[in-house]
Amino acid sequence: MQTINQWIGAVSDVVWGLPIIVLLLGTGIYLTVLLRGLQFRQLGPALHLLGPVFHLPRLFLGPALRPLTGQGLGRGGLSGRR
């Protein structure tokens, strides 16, 4: 059992290291070039379509982003209490 765990750990370390980073970045760059920057060209029209539906001018992301930046830590910010 110990040998299987060691083997799985070794394979996991190899796969989730540099190869996955190269694969993800390479795929993203390849698709960006292949689709001629579709995600950048169509961002404006997509936000324009979503604006009336989700009221983007009134959208405030401060509370949603606080846990990601660590600003709410130490005060019970992750639990929603202040």
Protein backbone atom coordinates (compact mmCIF):
# COMPACT_ATOMS: atom_id res chain seq x y z
CA MET A 1 0.00 0.00 0.00
CA GLN A 2 2.85 2.36 0.82
CA THR A 3 4.41 1.70 -2.60
CA ILE A 4 1.16 2.59 -4.39
CA ASN A 5 0.86 5.81 -2.41
CA GLN A 6 4.45 6.75 -3.21
CA TRP A 7 3.95 5.99 -6.90
CA ILE A 8 0.73 8.04 -7.06
CA GLY A 9 2.44 10.89 -5.23
CA ALA A 10 5.37 10.84 -7.66
CA VAL A 11 3.07 10.84 -10.71
CA SER A 12 0.98 13.64 -9.20
CA ASP A 13 4.07 15.78 -8.55
CA VAL A 14 5.22 15.35 -12.14
CA VAL A 15 1.84 16.00 -13.76
CA TRP A 16 0.83 19.00 -11.63
CA GLY A 17 4.20 20.70 -11.95
CA LEU A 18 5.69 22.38 -14.98
CA PRO A 19 3.93 20.21 -17.61
CA ILE A 20 0.44 21.37 -16.66
CA ILE A 21 1.53 25.02 -16.63
CA VAL A 22 3.10 24.69 -20.07
CA LEU A 23 0.06 22.83 -21.38
CA LEU A 24 -2.43 25.41 -20.08
CA LEU A 25 -0.45 28.43 -21.27
CA GLY A 26 0.33 26.82 -24.62
CA THR A 27 -3.30 25.92 -25.22
CA GLY A 28 -4.44 29.43 -24.31
CA ILE A 29 -1.92 31.08 -26.63
CA TYR A 30 -2.69 28.61 -29.43
CA LEU A 31 -6.44 29.23 -29.21
CA THR A 32 -5.94 32.99 -28.99
CA VAL A 33 -3.90 32.95 -32.20
CA LEU A 34 -6.18 30.45 -33.93
CA LEU A 35 -9.33 32.45 -33.10
CA ARG A 36 -7.56 35.78 -33.78
CA GLY A 37 -8.11 37.11 -30.26
CA LEU A 38 -11.83 36.39 -30.14
CA GLN A 39 -12.00 36.85 -26.38
CA PHE A 40 -10.61 40.39 -26.73
CA ARG A 41 -12.49 41.39 -29.87
CA GLN A 42 -15.87 40.34 -28.54
CA LEU A 43 -15.50 41.56 -24.95
CA GLY A 44 -17.11 44.95 -25.65
CA PRO A 45 -20.17 43.58 -27.45
CA ALA A 46 -20.61 40.88 -24.79
CA LEU A 47 -20.56 43.41 -21.95
CA HIS A 48 -22.92 45.64 -23.91
CA LEU A 49 -25.38 42.75 -24.19
CA LEU A 50 -25.09 41.91 -20.50
CA GLY A 51 -25.33 45.51 -19.29
CA PRO A 52 -29.12 45.90 -19.27
CA VAL A 53 -29.66 42.40 -17.90
CA PHE A 54 -27.27 42.56 -14.96
CA HIS A 55 -27.14 46.35 -14.44
CA LEU A 56 -23.37 46.47 -14.80
CA PRO A 57 -23.00 50.17 -13.96
CA ARG A 58 -24.39 49.44 -10.48
CA LEU A 59 -22.37 46.27 -9.96
CA PHE A 60 -20.00 46.60 -6.98
CA LEU A 61 -17.52 43.76 -6.56
CA GLY A 62 -15.80 45.01 -3.41
CA PRO A 63 -17.38 42.57 -0.92
CA ALA A 64 -16.92 39.67 -3.33
CA LEU A 65 -13.22 40.38 -3.86
CA ARG A 66 -12.25 41.05 -0.22
CA PRO A 67 -11.70 37.37 0.71
CA LEU A 68 -9.54 36.92 -2.39
CA THR A 69 -7.27 39.79 -1.43
CA GLY A 70 -7.15 38.90 2.26
CA GLN A 71 -8.68 42.18 3.43
CA GLY A 72 -11.39 40.46 5.43
CA LEU A 73 -9.12 38.05 7.27
CA GLY A 74 -8.66 38.48 10.98
CA ARG A 75 -12.06 40.04 11.53
CA GLY A 76 -14.22 37.06 10.68
CA GLY A 77 -14.57 38.29 7.10
CA LEU A 78 -14.76 34.81 5.66
CA SER A 79 -17.66 33.87 7.90
CA GLY A 80 -19.57 37.03 7.09
CA ARG A 81 -19.34 38.46 10.61
CA ARG A 82 -17.57 41.71 11.44
